[in-house]
């Protein structure tokens, strides 16, 4: 594994290790048109999307969807620092 893959795996593990009180995994992303295009591909994956100013909060109970979405957001540098 190269350094970038290790970093991405660490970020994914960190996000998947925490849930909110309602049992959802939470991903915070930078609000952009590119993000909207990505989220359109996951719209049937039982996700909840909240736009708050310059960030978008994405919630899902499905671990696999959160993992795939997080990896894509990291690769496109759309994951917000939390």
N, C-alpha and C. Protein backbone atom coordinates (compact mmCIF):
# COMPACT_ATOMS: atom_id res chain seq x y z
N UNK A 1 0.83 -1.18 0.00
CA UNK A 1 0.00 0.00 0.00
C UNK A 1 0.88 1.24 0.00
N UNK A 2 0.46 2.22 -0.79
CA UNK A 2 1.23 3.46 -0.77
C UNK A 2 0.69 4.38 0.32
N UNK A 3 1.36 5.49 0.50
CA UNK A 3 1.03 6.41 1.59
C UNK A 3 -0.38 6.98 1.47
N UNK A 4 -0.81 7.26 0.23
CA UNK A 4 -2.14 7.81 0.01
C UNK A 4 -3.23 6.82 0.40
N UNK A 5 -3.04 5.54 0.05
CA UNK A 5 -4.01 4.50 0.40
C UNK A 5 -4.11 4.33 1.91
N UNK A 6 -2.97 4.39 2.59
CA UNK A 6 -2.95 4.26 4.04
C UNK A 6 -3.72 5.41 4.68
N UNK A 7 -3.51 6.62 4.17
CA UNK A 7 -4.20 7.79 4.69
C UNK A 7 -5.71 7.68 4.46
N UNK A 8 -6.10 7.25 3.27
CA UNK A 8 -7.52 7.08 2.95
C UNK A 8 -8.14 6.02 3.84
N UNK A 9 -7.45 4.90 4.04
CA UNK A 9 -7.96 3.84 4.91
C UNK A 9 -8.14 4.34 6.34
N UNK A 10 -7.21 5.16 6.81
CA UNK A 10 -7.31 5.70 8.16
C UNK A 10 -8.53 6.61 8.29
N UNK A 11 -8.76 7.45 7.29
CA UNK A 11 -9.92 8.35 7.31
C UNK A 11 -11.22 7.55 7.30
N UNK A 12 -11.28 6.53 6.46
CA UNK A 12 -12.49 5.68 6.38
C UNK A 12 -12.73 4.99 7.72
N UNK A 13 -11.68 4.42 8.30
CA UNK A 13 -11.82 3.75 9.61
C UNK A 13 -12.30 4.72 10.68
N UNK A 14 -11.78 5.95 10.65
CA UNK A 14 -12.17 6.95 11.64
C UNK A 14 -13.65 7.29 11.52
N UNK A 15 -14.13 7.49 10.30
CA UNK A 15 -15.54 7.82 10.09
C UNK A 15 -16.43 6.65 10.47
N UNK A 16 -16.02 5.43 10.11
CA UNK A 16 -16.85 4.26 10.40
C UNK A 16 -16.80 3.85 11.87
N UNK A 17 -15.88 4.42 12.63
CA UNK A 17 -15.78 4.06 14.04
C UNK A 17 -16.76 4.85 14.91
N UNK A 18 -17.40 5.86 14.33
CA UNK A 18 -18.31 6.70 15.11
C UNK A 18 -19.70 6.75 14.48
N UNK A 19 -20.70 6.77 15.33
CA UNK A 19 -22.08 6.97 14.89
C UNK A 19 -22.70 8.06 15.74
N UNK A 20 -23.72 8.74 15.18
CA UNK A 20 -24.43 9.72 15.98
C UNK A 20 -25.42 8.99 16.90
N UNK A 21 -26.08 9.68 17.82
CA UNK A 21 -26.99 9.01 18.76
C UNK A 21 -28.13 8.23 18.10
N UNK A 22 -28.50 8.61 16.87
CA UNK A 22 -29.57 7.90 16.17
C UNK A 22 -29.06 6.68 15.41
N UNK A 23 -27.76 6.43 15.46
CA UNK A 23 -27.20 5.25 14.81
C UNK A 23 -26.72 5.47 13.38
N UNK A 24 -26.59 6.72 12.96
CA UNK A 24 -26.13 7.03 11.61
C UNK A 24 -24.64 7.32 11.59
N UNK A 25 -23.98 6.88 10.52
CA UNK A 25 -22.61 7.33 10.25
C UNK A 25 -22.74 8.74 9.67
N UNK A 26 -21.82 9.63 10.02
CA UNK A 26 -21.91 11.02 9.58
C UNK A 26 -20.65 11.39 8.81
N UNK A 27 -20.86 11.94 7.60
CA UNK A 27 -19.77 12.41 6.75
C UNK A 27 -20.01 13.89 6.49
N UNK A 28 -18.97 14.71 6.68
CA UNK A 28 -19.08 16.15 6.43
C UNK A 28 -18.25 16.47 5.20
N UNK A 29 -18.91 17.07 4.20
CA UNK A 29 -18.25 17.35 2.92
C UNK A 29 -18.38 18.83 2.57
N UNK A 30 -17.50 19.27 1.68
CA UNK A 30 -17.54 20.64 1.18
C UNK A 30 -18.63 20.71 0.12
N UNK A 31 -19.53 21.69 0.28
CA UNK A 31 -20.66 21.85 -0.62
C UNK A 31 -20.18 22.34 -1.98
N UNK A 32 -20.49 21.59 -3.04
CA UNK A 32 -20.11 21.99 -4.39
C UNK A 32 -21.01 21.27 -5.39
N UNK A 33 -20.96 21.72 -6.64
CA UNK A 33 -21.75 21.05 -7.67
C UNK A 33 -21.22 19.64 -7.92
N UNK A 34 -19.91 19.45 -7.79
CA UNK A 34 -19.32 18.12 -7.96
C UNK A 34 -19.85 17.16 -6.89
N UNK A 35 -20.01 17.67 -5.66
CA UNK A 35 -20.57 16.86 -4.58
C UNK A 35 -21.99 16.43 -4.92
N UNK A 36 -22.78 17.34 -5.46
CA UNK A 36 -24.17 17.02 -5.81
C UNK A 36 -24.22 15.90 -6.85
N UNK A 37 -23.30 15.93 -7.81
CA UNK A 37 -23.24 14.88 -8.83
C UNK A 37 -22.90 13.53 -8.19
N UNK A 38 -21.97 13.55 -7.25
CA UNK A 38 -21.60 12.31 -6.55
C UNK A 38 -22.78 11.79 -5.74
N UNK A 39 -23.46 12.67 -5.02
CA UNK A 39 -24.58 12.26 -4.17
C UNK A 39 -25.74 11.72 -5.00
N UNK A 40 -25.91 12.21 -6.23
CA UNK A 40 -26.96 11.68 -7.11
C UNK A 40 -26.78 10.19 -7.37
N UNK A 41 -25.54 9.73 -7.40
CA UNK A 41 -25.28 8.30 -7.61
C UNK A 41 -25.64 7.47 -6.38
N UNK A 42 -25.70 8.11 -5.22
CA UNK A 42 -25.99 7.40 -3.97
C UNK A 42 -27.40 7.68 -3.45
N UNK A 43 -28.23 8.36 -4.24
CA UNK A 43 -29.54 8.80 -3.74
C UNK A 43 -30.46 7.65 -3.36
N UNK A 44 -30.23 6.46 -3.92
CA UNK A 44 -31.06 5.31 -3.56
C UNK A 44 -30.41 4.48 -2.46
N UNK A 45 -29.34 4.98 -1.89
CA UNK A 45 -28.60 4.24 -0.88
C UNK A 45 -28.99 4.60 0.54
N UNK A 46 -30.20 5.13 0.72
CA UNK A 46 -30.69 5.45 2.06
C UNK A 46 -29.77 6.45 2.76
N UNK A 47 -29.54 7.60 2.11
CA UNK A 47 -28.73 8.65 2.73
C UNK A 47 -29.61 9.86 3.02
N UNK A 48 -29.23 10.59 4.05
CA UNK A 48 -29.89 11.84 4.42
C UNK A 48 -28.87 12.95 4.19
N UNK A 49 -29.26 13.97 3.43
CA UNK A 49 -28.34 15.05 3.08
C UNK A 49 -28.88 16.36 3.62
N UNK A 50 -28.02 17.10 4.34
CA UNK A 50 -28.37 18.42 4.88
C UNK A 50 -27.32 19.42 4.43
N UNK A 51 -27.76 20.47 3.71
CA UNK A 51 -26.85 21.54 3.31
C UNK A 51 -26.88 22.63 4.36
N UNK A 52 -25.71 22.98 4.87
CA UNK A 52 -25.59 24.03 5.88
C UNK A 52 -24.46 24.95 5.45
N UNK A 53 -24.82 26.04 4.79
CA UNK A 53 -23.80 26.98 4.32
C UNK A 53 -22.86 26.33 3.33
N UNK A 54 -21.57 26.37 3.62
CA UNK A 54 -20.56 25.84 2.71
C UNK A 54 -20.26 24.37 2.91
N UNK A 55 -21.00 23.72 3.82
CA UNK A 55 -20.76 22.29 4.03
C UNK A 55 -22.06 21.50 3.83
N UNK A 56 -21.89 20.23 3.61
CA UNK A 56 -23.02 19.31 3.48
C UNK A 56 -22.79 18.17 4.47
N UNK A 57 -23.81 17.88 5.26
CA UNK A 57 -23.74 16.77 6.21
C UNK A 57 -24.51 15.60 5.60
N UNK A 58 -23.84 14.47 5.51
CA UNK A 58 -24.42 13.27 4.90
C UNK A 58 -24.50 12.20 5.98
N UNK A 59 -25.70 11.63 6.14
CA UNK A 59 -25.91 10.59 7.15
C UNK A 59 -26.42 9.32 6.46
N UNK A 60 -25.95 8.19 6.94
CA UNK A 60 -26.42 6.90 6.43
C UNK A 60 -26.19 5.84 7.49
N UNK A 61 -27.07 4.86 7.52
CA UNK A 61 -26.89 3.73 8.43
C UNK A 61 -26.15 2.59 7.75
N UNK A 62 -25.93 2.71 6.44
CA UNK A 62 -25.29 1.65 5.68
C UNK A 62 -23.78 1.85 5.63
N UNK A 63 -23.08 0.95 6.26
CA UNK A 63 -21.62 1.04 6.37
C UNK A 63 -20.93 1.05 5.01
N UNK A 64 -21.34 0.19 4.10
CA UNK A 64 -20.71 0.08 2.78
C UNK A 64 -20.88 1.37 1.98
N UNK A 65 -22.06 1.96 2.04
CA UNK A 65 -22.29 3.22 1.30
C UNK A 65 -21.40 4.32 1.85
N UNK A 66 -21.29 4.41 3.16
CA UNK A 66 -20.45 5.43 3.78
C UNK A 66 -18.99 5.21 3.39
N UNK A 67 -18.56 3.96 3.37
CA UNK A 67 -17.17 3.67 2.98
C UNK A 67 -16.89 4.09 1.54
N UNK A 68 -17.76 3.70 0.61
CA UNK A 68 -17.57 4.05 -0.80
C UNK A 68 -17.63 5.56 -1.01
N UNK A 69 -18.60 6.20 -0.37
CA UNK A 69 -18.75 7.65 -0.50
C UNK A 69 -17.53 8.38 0.07
N UNK A 70 -17.06 7.96 1.23
CA UNK A 70 -15.90 8.60 1.85
C UNK A 70 -14.67 8.46 0.97
N UNK A 71 -14.45 7.28 0.42
CA UNK A 71 -13.29 7.07 -0.46
C UNK A 71 -13.36 8.00 -1.68
N UNK A 72 -14.55 8.14 -2.25
CA UNK A 72 -14.70 9.02 -3.41
C UNK A 72 -14.49 10.48 -3.03
N UNK A 73 -15.01 10.89 -1.88
CA UNK A 73 -14.84 12.28 -1.44
C UNK A 73 -13.38 12.59 -1.14
N UNK A 74 -12.67 11.65 -0.55
CA UNK A 74 -11.24 11.85 -0.26
C UNK A 74 -10.47 11.99 -1.57
N UNK A 75 -10.77 11.15 -2.54
CA UNK A 75 -10.03 11.19 -3.81
C UNK A 75 -10.27 12.49 -4.57
N UNK A 76 -11.45 13.10 -4.38
CA UNK A 76 -11.76 14.35 -5.06
C UNK A 76 -11.54 15.58 -4.17
N UNK A 77 -10.99 15.34 -2.97
CA UNK A 77 -10.68 16.40 -2.00
C UNK A 77 -11.92 17.21 -1.63
N UNK A 78 -13.03 16.51 -1.42
CA UNK A 78 -14.28 17.15 -1.03
C UNK A 78 -14.68 16.87 0.42
N UNK A 79 -13.87 16.11 1.13
CA UNK A 79 -14.17 15.80 2.52
C UNK A 79 -13.75 16.99 3.38
N UNK A 80 -14.66 17.49 4.20
CA UNK A 80 -14.35 18.64 5.06
C UNK A 80 -13.57 18.19 6.29
N UNK A 81 -12.70 19.05 6.77
CA UNK A 81 -11.96 18.78 8.01
C UNK A 81 -12.91 18.93 9.18
N UNK A 82 -12.93 17.92 10.05
CA UNK A 82 -13.79 18.00 11.23
C UNK A 82 -12.98 17.86 12.48
